[in-house]
Protein backbone atom coordinates (compact mmCIF):
# COMPACT_ATOMS: atom_id res chain seq x y z
CA ALA A 1 11.38 -16.99 35.25
CA LEU A 2 12.19 -14.25 32.77
CA ALA A 3 12.68 -16.80 29.97
CA ALA A 4 9.23 -18.25 30.65
CA ILE A 5 7.64 -14.80 30.56
CA THR A 6 9.45 -14.00 27.31
CA ALA A 7 8.23 -17.26 25.77
CA ALA A 8 4.67 -16.50 26.85
CA VAL A 9 4.81 -13.01 25.33
CA VAL A 10 6.19 -14.39 22.05
CA GLY A 11 3.38 -16.96 22.02
CA VAL A 12 0.72 -14.29 22.55
CA ILE A 13 2.15 -12.11 19.78
CA ALA A 14 2.30 -15.09 17.38
CA ASN A 15 -1.29 -16.02 18.23
CA LEU A 16 -2.50 -12.48 17.56
CA ALA A 17 -0.58 -12.31 14.27
CA LEU A 18 -2.18 -15.56 13.11
CA TRP A 19 -5.66 -14.44 14.21
CA PHE A 20 -5.36 -11.13 12.34
CA ALA A 21 -3.93 -12.83 9.24
CA VAL A 22 -6.81 -15.32 9.05
CA HIS A 23 -9.44 -12.62 9.59
CA VAL A 24 -7.90 -10.31 6.97
CA LEU A 25 -7.28 -12.96 4.32
CA PHE A 26 -10.61 -14.84 4.56
CA ALA A 27 -14.16 -13.50 4.40
CA ARG A 28 -15.40 -16.55 6.35
CA PRO A 29 -12.61 -17.30 8.86
CA GLU A 30 -14.51 -19.96 10.83
CA ALA A 31 -16.06 -22.51 8.49
CA GLU A 32 -18.07 -25.49 9.65
CA VAL A 33 -15.32 -28.03 8.91
CA PHE A 34 -12.91 -28.34 11.86
CA GLY A 35 -13.04 -24.58 12.44
CA LEU A 36 -10.67 -23.95 9.52
CA PRO A 37 -11.15 -20.97 7.21
CA ASP A 38 -13.16 -21.46 4.04
CA VAL A 39 -10.50 -21.34 1.30
CA THR A 40 -13.07 -20.24 -1.27
CA SER A 41 -13.48 -16.98 0.66
CA LEU A 42 -9.83 -15.97 0.23
CA ASP A 43 -9.42 -12.27 -0.50
CA TRP A 44 -6.83 -12.36 -3.29
CA ARG A 45 -6.12 -8.64 -2.98
CA ALA A 46 -5.04 -8.94 0.66
CA ALA A 47 -2.97 -12.04 -0.17
CA VAL A 48 -1.15 -10.23 -3.00
CA ILE A 49 -0.42 -7.20 -0.81
CA GLY A 50 0.81 -9.41 2.03
CA ALA A 51 3.05 -11.45 -0.23
CA GLY A 52 4.45 -8.30 -1.80
CA ALA A 53 5.12 -6.76 1.60
CA ALA A 54 6.89 -9.91 2.80
CA LEU A 55 8.98 -9.94 -0.38
CA LEU A 56 9.97 -6.30 0.05
CA LEU A 57 10.85 -6.79 3.72
CA PHE A 58 12.74 -10.07 3.62
CA ARG A 59 14.16 -10.36 0.09
CA PHE A 60 14.87 -6.75 -0.80
CA LYS A 61 15.51 -5.51 2.79
CA ARG A 62 13.34 -2.40 2.46
CA SER A 63 12.43 -0.36 5.54
CA VAL A 64 9.08 -0.75 7.26
CA MET A 65 8.03 2.77 6.26
CA VAL A 66 8.72 2.09 2.57
CA VAL A 67 6.82 -1.20 2.73
CA LEU A 68 3.92 0.45 4.56
CA GLY A 69 3.69 3.16 1.91
CA ALA A 70 3.85 0.61 -0.92
CA ALA A 71 1.18 -1.54 0.73
CA ALA A 72 -1.09 1.47 1.21
CA LEU A 73 -0.66 2.48 -2.42
CA ALA A 74 -1.30 -1.10 -3.57
CA GLY A 75 -4.43 -1.18 -1.41
CA LEU A 76 -5.73 1.99 -3.03
CA VAL A 77 -5.01 0.68 -6.53
CA LEU A 78 -6.46 -2.80 -5.90
CA SER A 79 -9.58 -1.41 -4.25
CA GLN A 80 -10.51 0.11 -7.61
CA VAL A 81 -10.34 -3.31 -9.35
């Protein structure tokens, strides 16, 4: 029973992560075609920050606090562009 509950919790967390990612990366997350996001509404700034954060976390093994600070700084810089 505990394994089933654990699997359900992991599924809920994965679903929320995907929902937030789609709504952050796309200005129009629910397009008319099959309910998929409109790829022309991609926010390139959010995609660059997300890719950089993933690179820092997984490739360079930086701590979450360092990555959070770098992402915040990148957000400030890219918001001026």
